[in-house]
Amino acid sequence: MLKVLCACVWVMGVTFGVMAHATSVVFLNPGTSTETFWVSYSQFMQAAAKDLGLDLRVRYSGRDPQNTLQQARETLQGSPRPDYLVLVNEQYIAPQILRLSQGSGVKLLIVNNALTVDQMQLLDAGKYSNWIGSIVADDEQAGYLMLEDMLRQYGETKPGQSLDLLAFSGVKNTPAAQRREEGMRRALGEHPDVRLRQVVYGEWNRQRAFEQATQLFKRYPQTALVWSANDEMALGAMQAAQEAGRTPGKDVLFSAVNSSSEVLGARIDGRLSTLVAGHFTTGGWAMVLLDDDAHGVDISLHGGRDREEALFQLIEPEQARRLQAINASQQYNVDFRALSAQGKPESYRYPFSLQLLMH
């Protein structure tokens, strides 16, 4: 009788163990654990993972690609290994991680910075069967929207008048920075009255952008527009303008990307004229894709293997207040399970959008 009872308990334990196993995910976050954007990015991922029943672990590299590679090595060669590894092609490191993943049994998804065309050609990407695809926001659109909206707010220029523009891009060898810059240049091509005086690489850093802007405002005193590829660089450049006796939002129009509480405040009070945001949600949407893949859905049938989503939108003051409230509460009120492609026809497309949070 005791043997039968023990056997029953053992079978129940095994069954429960199988049922209790959650799909495990490691995210190699390229930022720091104090960096507003990357922390908010991870928080939204965790909310999605919790809703979907995924076991998500986030590892921060502190902006050091060598740290990321070491973390990838530990994840892919250690034990136990996760079911999925989510990574960013920051500073072009994705191909090395793909090579490390061979034979690991871990599936890979790339977010935020996809492989470049050159990397795809050099890598022979087809041989990595464990790489299930990528999801990125349309960074070119973000760069374009920022300059277009600043020019809309500036208004018509007089015949023969030109506007001086300064641009603060991110890290030079990061695809997102390059794509945002391409969008800015597309807008420039449509506005011959705008003179791009200089592009500098602020490396996403406020202090660096402040120091660069301090020199640039001296060099180009007629600067009317400042385009920045993230919030930190915009805030640094705005500080430099104020110290030079200029008034952001009046004497000089500034634009930025991201949705930190500080930059949302600058949009609300008018110091920042143009803000685009939304791509902090990319990691959360990635969790939906991974959960579907884990349930046998061919996610490539619902929008392609490598997807570029229109996640950026212009943030007006009213929306900035809504995002501030979301930042403060970390209550996203998104039904991630409802976004799944499970049981849906092939024509179904994931409706990923910032609007899902803004209702």
Protein backbone atom coordinates (compact mmCIF):
# COMPACT_ATOMS: atom_id res chain seq x y z
CA MET A 1 0.00 0.00 0.00
CA LEU A 2 2.84 2.36 0.93
CA LYS A 3 4.61 1.58 -2.36
CA VAL A 4 1.44 2.40 -4.34
CA LEU A 5 1.00 5.65 -2.39
CA CYS A 6 4.65 6.64 -3.01
CA ALA A 7 4.28 5.81 -6.70
CA CYS A 8 1.17 7.98 -6.93
CA VAL A 9 2.93 10.87 -5.22
CA TRP A 10 5.91 10.47 -7.57
CA VAL A 11 3.67 10.44 -10.67
CA MET A 12 1.79 13.50 -9.40
CA GLY A 13 5.11 15.24 -8.74
CA VAL A 14 6.39 14.49 -12.24
CA THR A 15 3.11 15.58 -13.81
CA PHE A 16 3.05 18.78 -11.77
CA GLY A 17 6.71 19.43 -12.67
CA VAL A 18 5.92 19.14 -16.37
CA MET A 19 2.86 21.35 -16.02
CA ALA A 20 4.73 23.89 -13.92
CA HIS A 21 7.62 24.32 -16.36
CA ALA A 22 7.31 27.82 -17.75
CA THR A 23 8.96 28.78 -21.05
CA SER A 24 12.22 30.44 -19.98
CA VAL A 25 13.65 33.56 -21.60
CA VAL A 26 16.87 35.53 -21.04
CA PHE A 27 17.10 39.09 -22.35
CA LEU A 28 20.56 40.57 -22.83
CA ASN A 29 19.81 44.24 -22.17
CA PRO A 30 22.60 46.42 -23.64
CA GLY A 31 21.89 49.35 -21.30
CA THR A 32 22.53 49.99 -17.64
CA SER A 33 20.22 49.11 -14.74
CA THR A 34 19.85 52.84 -14.01
CA GLU A 35 19.17 53.95 -17.60
CA THR A 36 15.57 55.12 -17.86
CA PHE A 37 14.89 53.85 -21.37
CA TRP A 38 16.30 50.36 -20.91
CA VAL A 39 14.75 49.96 -17.45
CA SER A 40 11.29 50.92 -18.78
CA TYR A 41 11.90 48.59 -21.72
CA SER A 42 12.56 45.67 -19.34
CA GLN A 43 9.57 46.58 -17.15
CA PHE A 44 7.19 46.35 -20.10
CA MET A 45 8.80 43.02 -21.09
CA GLN A 46 8.29 41.71 -17.55
CA ALA A 47 4.63 42.76 -17.60
CA ALA A 48 4.13 40.88 -20.86
CA ALA A 49 6.03 37.83 -19.61
CA LYS A 50 3.95 37.72 -16.42
CA ASP A 51 0.69 37.95 -18.36
CA LEU A 52 1.81 35.18 -20.73
CA GLY A 53 3.26 32.93 -18.03
CA LEU A 54 6.86 33.20 -19.27
CA ASP A 55 9.88 33.07 -16.98
CA LEU A 56 11.94 36.12 -18.02
CA ARG A 57 15.39 37.00 -16.71
CA VAL A 58 17.03 40.31 -17.69
CA ARG A 59 20.80 40.83 -17.70
CA TYR A 60 22.22 44.35 -18.16
CA SER A 61 25.59 44.79 -19.89
CA GLY A 62 26.20 48.39 -18.80
CA ARG A 63 26.78 49.56 -22.40
CA ASP A 64 29.77 47.22 -22.74
CA PRO A 65 29.53 44.83 -25.73
CA GLN A 66 32.19 42.58 -24.19
CA ASN A 67 29.91 42.12 -21.17
CA THR A 68 27.06 41.20 -23.51
CA LEU A 69 29.21 38.59 -25.26
CA GLN A 70 30.26 37.10 -21.93
CA GLN A 71 26.64 36.96 -20.78
CA ALA A 72 25.68 35.29 -24.07
CA ARG A 73 28.44 32.71 -23.58
CA GLU A 74 27.26 31.93 -20.05
CA THR A 75 23.64 31.67 -21.18
CA LEU A 76 24.28 29.51 -24.25
CA GLN A 77 26.97 27.24 -22.84
CA GLY A 78 25.93 27.06 -19.18
CA SER A 79 23.31 24.98 -17.44
CA PRO A 80 20.39 25.11 -17.26
CA ARG A 81 19.89 26.88 -20.56
CA PRO A 82 16.80 28.96 -21.32
CA ASP A 83 14.37 28.12 -24.09
CA TYR A 84 14.92 31.54 -25.69
CA LEU A 85 17.57 34.26 -25.79
CA VAL A 86 16.53 37.80 -26.77
CA LEU A 87 19.34 40.10 -27.88
CA VAL A 88 20.01 43.50 -29.45
CA ASN A 89 22.40 44.04 -32.37
CA GLU A 90 23.97 46.94 -30.44
CA GLN A 91 27.42 47.78 -31.81
CA TYR A 92 27.02 44.96 -34.36
CA ILE A 93 27.51 42.05 -31.92
CA ALA A 94 24.58 39.85 -33.01
CA PRO A 95 26.56 37.70 -35.51
CA GLN A 96 29.00 36.64 -32.79
CA ILE A 97 26.11 35.63 -30.54
CA LEU A 98 24.44 33.71 -33.38
CA ARG A 99 27.67 31.76 -33.88
CA LEU A 100 27.92 31.06 -30.16
CA SER A 101 24.36 29.70 -30.21
CA GLN A 102 25.02 26.87 -32.64
CA GLY A 103 24.28 23.52 -31.07
CA SER A 104 22.96 25.11 -27.86
CA GLY A 105 19.31 24.22 -28.42
CA VAL A 106 18.38 27.81 -27.48
CA LYS A 107 16.17 29.80 -29.87
CA LEU A 108 17.15 33.42 -30.61
CA LEU A 109 15.12 36.55 -31.34
CA ILE A 110 16.72 39.91 -32.14
CA VAL A 111 15.03 43.14 -30.99
CA ASN A 112 15.56 46.90 -31.51
CA ASN A 113 18.58 46.69 -33.81
CA ALA A 114 18.25 44.06 -36.54
CA LEU A 115 21.11 42.60 -38.56
CA THR A 116 22.37 44.95 -41.26
CA VAL A 117 22.24 43.91 -44.94
CA ASP A 118 26.04 43.44 -44.91
CA GLN A 119 25.85 41.26 -41.80
CA MET A 120 23.11 39.11 -43.37
CA GLN A 121 25.27 38.53 -46.46
CA LEU A 122 28.45 37.76 -44.51
CA LEU A 123 26.69 35.54 -42.01
CA ASP A 124 24.80 33.18 -44.34
CA ALA A 125 21.90 33.66 -41.95
CA GLY A 126 19.95 30.72 -43.38
CA LYS A 127 22.13 28.18 -41.60
CA TYR A 128 21.01 29.34 -38.13
CA SER A 129 17.80 27.34 -37.75
CA ASN A 130 17.50 28.34 -34.08
CA TRP A 131 17.25 32.03 -35.00
CA ILE A 132 13.53 32.68 -35.36
CA GLY A 133 13.65 36.32 -36.53
CA SER A 134 13.69 39.92 -35.39
CA ILE A 135 11.32 42.69 -34.39
CA VAL A 136 12.33 46.36 -34.54
CA ALA A 137 10.58 49.71 -34.59
CA ASP A 138 10.74 51.82 -37.74
CA ASP A 139 13.63 54.07 -36.68
CA GLU A 140 13.84 55.76 -40.07
CA GLN A 141 10.25 56.93 -39.60
CA ALA A 142 11.14 58.34 -36.15
CA GLY A 143 14.01 60.40 -37.57
CA TYR A 144 11.81 61.72 -40.35
CA LEU A 145 8.84 62.57 -38.11
CA MET A 146 11.00 64.60 -35.73
CA LEU A 147 12.38 66.99 -38.33
CA GLU A 148 9.08 67.26 -40.20
CA ASP A 149 7.20 68.15 -37.02
CA MET A 150 9.76 70.73 -35.91
CA LEU A 151 9.52 72.40 -39.31
CA ARG A 152 5.71 72.36 -39.15
CA GLN A 153 5.89 74.17 -35.81
CA TYR A 154 8.52 76.63 -37.02
CA GLY A 155 6.26 77.69 -39.88
CA GLU A 156 6.99 79.18 -43.27
CA THR A 157 10.41 80.67 -43.95
CA LYS A 158 10.80 83.92 -45.85
CA PRO A 159 12.11 83.76 -49.45
CA GLY A 160 15.87 83.32 -49.36
CA GLN A 161 15.86 82.50 -45.62
CA SER A 162 17.61 79.36 -44.41
CA LEU A 163 17.35 77.52 -41.09
CA ASP A 164 20.41 76.16 -39.33
CA LEU A 165 20.05 72.62 -37.97
CA LEU A 166 22.25 70.68 -35.54
CA ALA A 167 21.88 66.92 -35.16
CA PHE A 168 22.88 64.65 -32.28
CA SER A 169 23.04 61.03 -33.37
CA GLY A 170 23.69 58.04 -31.08
CA VAL A 171 26.47 55.46 -31.27
CA LYS A 172 27.86 55.45 -34.80
CA ASN A 173 27.85 51.67 -35.31
CA THR A 174 24.33 51.05 -34.01
CA PRO A 175 21.63 50.40 -36.65
CA ALA A 176 18.91 52.34 -34.78
CA ALA A 177 21.07 55.48 -34.75
CA GLN A 178 21.88 55.09 -38.44
CA ARG A 179 18.25 54.57 -39.40
CA ARG A 180 17.07 57.62 -37.42
CA GLU A 181 19.73 59.70 -39.13
CA GLU A 182 18.57 58.38 -42.54
CA GLY A 183 15.04 59.54 -41.71
CA MET A 184 16.30 63.00 -40.81
CA ARG A 185 18.19 63.19 -44.12
CA ARG A 186 15.06 62.14 -46.03
CA ALA A 187 13.20 65.06 -44.45
CA LEU A 188 16.14 67.36 -45.26
CA GLY A 189 15.87 66.37 -48.92
CA GLU A 190 12.31 67.72 -48.92
CA HIS A 191 13.32 71.06 -47.32
CA PRO A 192 16.16 72.77 -49.20
CA ASP A 193 15.81 75.82 -46.93
CA VAL A 194 17.23 73.81 -43.99
CA ARG A 195 21.03 73.72 -43.64
CA LEU A 196 22.43 70.82 -41.65
CA ARG A 197 25.41 72.47 -39.99
CA GLN A 198 26.83 69.41 -38.25
CA VAL A 199 26.02 65.86 -37.11
CA VAL A 200 27.80 64.77 -33.93
CA TYR A 201 27.68 61.41 -32.15
CA GLY A 202 26.53 62.02 -28.58
CA GLU A 203 26.55 58.25 -27.88
CA TRP A 204 23.12 58.52 -26.22
CA ASN A 205 24.81 60.40 -23.34
CA ARG A 206 23.53 63.66 -21.77
CA GLN A 207 26.87 64.99 -20.51
CA ARG A 208 28.61 64.28 -23.82
CA ALA A 209 25.82 66.04 -25.76
CA PHE A 210 25.95 68.99 -23.34
CA GLU A 211 29.68 69.42 -23.96
CA GLN A 212 29.26 69.05 -27.73
CA ALA A 213 26.32 71.47 -27.83
CA THR A 214 28.20 74.06 -25.76
CA GLN A 215 30.79 74.25 -28.53
CA LEU A 216 28.30 73.99 -31.39
CA PHE A 217 26.11 76.89 -30.22
CA LYS A 218 29.25 79.06 -30.20
CA ARG A 219 30.20 77.84 -33.68
CA TYR A 220 26.68 78.18 -35.13
CA PRO A 221 24.95 81.01 -33.22
CA GLN A 222 22.04 81.09 -35.71
CA THR A 223 20.97 77.53 -34.89
CA ALA A 224 17.15 77.34 -35.04
CA LEU A 225 16.55 73.58 -34.86
CA VAL A 226 18.17 70.78 -32.84
CA TRP A 227 17.41 67.17 -33.76
CA SER A 228 18.36 64.49 -31.20
CA ALA A 229 18.17 60.71 -31.58
CA ASN A 230 17.23 60.18 -27.92
CA ASP A 231 16.01 62.02 -24.83
CA GLU A 232 19.28 62.17 -22.89
CA MET A 233 21.14 63.97 -25.70
CA ALA A 234 18.23 66.38 -26.21
CA LEU A 235 18.20 67.27 -22.52
CA GLY A 236 21.97 67.84 -22.55
CA ALA A 237 21.72 70.07 -25.63
CA MET A 238 18.82 72.02 -24.08
CA GLN A 239 20.90 72.69 -20.99
CA ALA A 240 23.73 74.01 -23.18
CA ALA A 241 21.28 76.29 -25.02
CA GLN A 242 19.98 77.72 -21.74
CA GLU A 243 23.50 78.38 -20.51
CA ALA A 244 24.18 80.18 -23.80
CA GLY A 245 21.20 82.48 -23.12
CA ARG A 246 18.80 80.75 -25.53
CA THR A 247 15.25 79.66 -24.62
CA PRO A 248 14.34 76.10 -25.69
CA GLY A 249 10.94 76.03 -27.36
CA LYS A 250 11.19 79.70 -28.35
CA ASP A 251 14.62 80.72 -29.67
CA VAL A 252 15.52 77.13 -30.62
CA LEU A 253 13.21 74.18 -31.29
CA PHE A 254 14.31 70.79 -29.96
CA SER A 255 13.20 67.26 -30.78
CA ALA A 256 13.81 63.93 -29.05
CA VAL A 257 12.99 60.22 -28.97
CA ASN A 258 11.87 58.23 -25.88
CA SER A 259 9.44 58.61 -23.00
CA SER A 260 11.36 59.16 -19.76
CA SER A 261 9.40 61.19 -17.22
CA GLU A 262 11.89 64.05 -17.56
CA VAL A 263 11.55 64.37 -21.32
CA LEU A 264 7.76 64.00 -21.08
CA GLY A 265 7.82 66.92 -18.63
CA ALA A 266 9.82 68.98 -21.12
CA ARG A 267 7.22 68.19 -23.81
CA ILE A 268 4.36 69.20 -21.47
CA ASP A 269 5.93 72.55 -20.53
CA GLY A 270 6.92 73.36 -24.12
CA ARG A 271 10.72 73.37 -23.79
CA LEU A 272 10.73 70.34 -26.09
CA SER A 273 8.80 71.03 -29.28
CA THR A 274 8.71 67.53 -30.78
CA LEU A 275 8.77 64.10 -29.18
CA VAL A 276 8.39 60.65 -30.71
CA ALA A 277 8.06 57.53 -28.58
CA GLY A 278 6.75 53.99 -28.55
CA HIS A 279 9.67 51.67 -29.19
CA PHE A 280 10.11 50.87 -25.48
CA THR A 281 7.23 48.44 -26.14
CA THR A 282 9.23 46.31 -28.62
CA GLY A 283 10.42 43.84 -25.99
CA GLY A 284 6.89 43.29 -24.71
CA TRP A 285 5.64 42.51 -28.21
CA ALA A 286 8.64 40.16 -28.59
CA MET A 287 7.28 38.17 -25.63
CA VAL A 288 4.01 37.63 -27.54
CA LEU A 289 5.98 36.27 -30.51
CA LEU A 290 8.06 33.94 -28.32
CA ASP A 291 5.00 32.60 -26.52
CA ASP A 292 3.33 31.88 -29.85
CA ASP A 293 6.47 30.16 -31.15
CA ALA A 294 6.60 28.06 -27.98
CA HIS A 295 2.99 26.99 -28.69
CA GLY A 296 3.86 25.87 -32.23
CA VAL A 297 2.72 28.96 -34.14
CA ASP A 298 4.78 29.82 -37.24
CA ILE A 299 5.11 33.52 -36.43
CA SER A 300 6.64 34.25 -39.86
CA LEU A 301 3.21 33.60 -41.42
CA HIS A 302 1.79 36.60 -39.54
CA GLY A 303 3.96 39.46 -40.75
CA GLY A 304 7.28 37.95 -41.81
CA ARG A 305 10.37 36.59 -40.13
CA ASP A 306 12.04 39.98 -39.74
CA ARG A 307 9.46 42.60 -38.91
CA GLU A 308 9.72 46.38 -38.78
CA GLU A 309 6.75 47.76 -36.88
CA ALA A 310 5.45 51.35 -36.98
CA LEU A 311 5.72 51.74 -33.19
CA PHE A 312 6.77 55.39 -33.09
CA GLN A 313 4.25 58.18 -32.89
CA LEU A 314 4.34 61.89 -32.17
CA ILE A 315 3.60 62.63 -28.52
CA GLU A 316 1.51 65.71 -27.84
CA PRO A 317 1.31 67.19 -24.29
CA GLU A 318 -1.92 65.32 -23.47
CA GLN A 319 -0.35 61.98 -24.46
CA ALA A 320 2.80 62.91 -22.55
CA ARG A 321 0.69 63.21 -19.38
CA ARG A 322 -0.84 59.78 -20.05
CA LEU A 323 2.63 58.25 -20.49
CA GLN A 324 3.83 59.91 -17.30
CA ALA A 325 0.98 58.25 -15.42
CA ILE A 326 1.89 54.88 -16.98
CA ASN A 327 5.55 55.38 -16.03
CA ALA A 328 4.58 56.14 -12.44
CA SER A 329 2.17 53.23 -11.99
CA GLN A 330 3.75 50.65 -14.32
CA GLN A 331 0.14 49.63 -15.03
CA TYR A 332 -0.05 49.02 -18.76
CA ASN A 333 -3.55 47.50 -18.99
CA VAL A 334 -2.60 45.47 -22.07
CA ASP A 335 -4.12 42.02 -22.59
CA PHE A 336 -1.04 40.39 -24.11
CA ARG A 337 -2.78 37.02 -24.48
CA ALA A 338 -5.42 38.59 -26.71
CA LEU A 339 -2.68 39.58 -29.20
CA SER A 340 -1.68 35.96 -29.83
CA ALA A 341 -1.93 34.44 -33.31
CA GLN A 342 -2.94 31.08 -31.81
CA GLY A 343 -6.06 29.84 -33.56
CA LYS A 344 -6.09 32.83 -35.93
CA PRO A 345 -6.05 32.65 -39.77
CA GLU A 346 -2.85 33.27 -41.75
CA SER A 347 -4.17 36.71 -42.66
CA TYR A 348 -3.89 37.76 -38.98
CA ARG A 349 -1.31 40.46 -38.28
CA TYR A 350 -0.16 41.33 -34.78
CA PRO A 351 -1.67 44.75 -33.93
CA PHE A 352 1.40 45.99 -32.03
CA SER A 353 1.08 49.71 -31.30
CA LEU A 354 1.59 52.30 -28.58
CA GLN A 355 -2.16 52.90 -28.84
CA LEU A 356 -2.75 49.65 -26.94
CA LEU A 357 -1.40 51.46 -23.84
CA MET A 358 -2.97 54.86 -24.47
CA HIS A 359 -6.67 54.01 -24.11
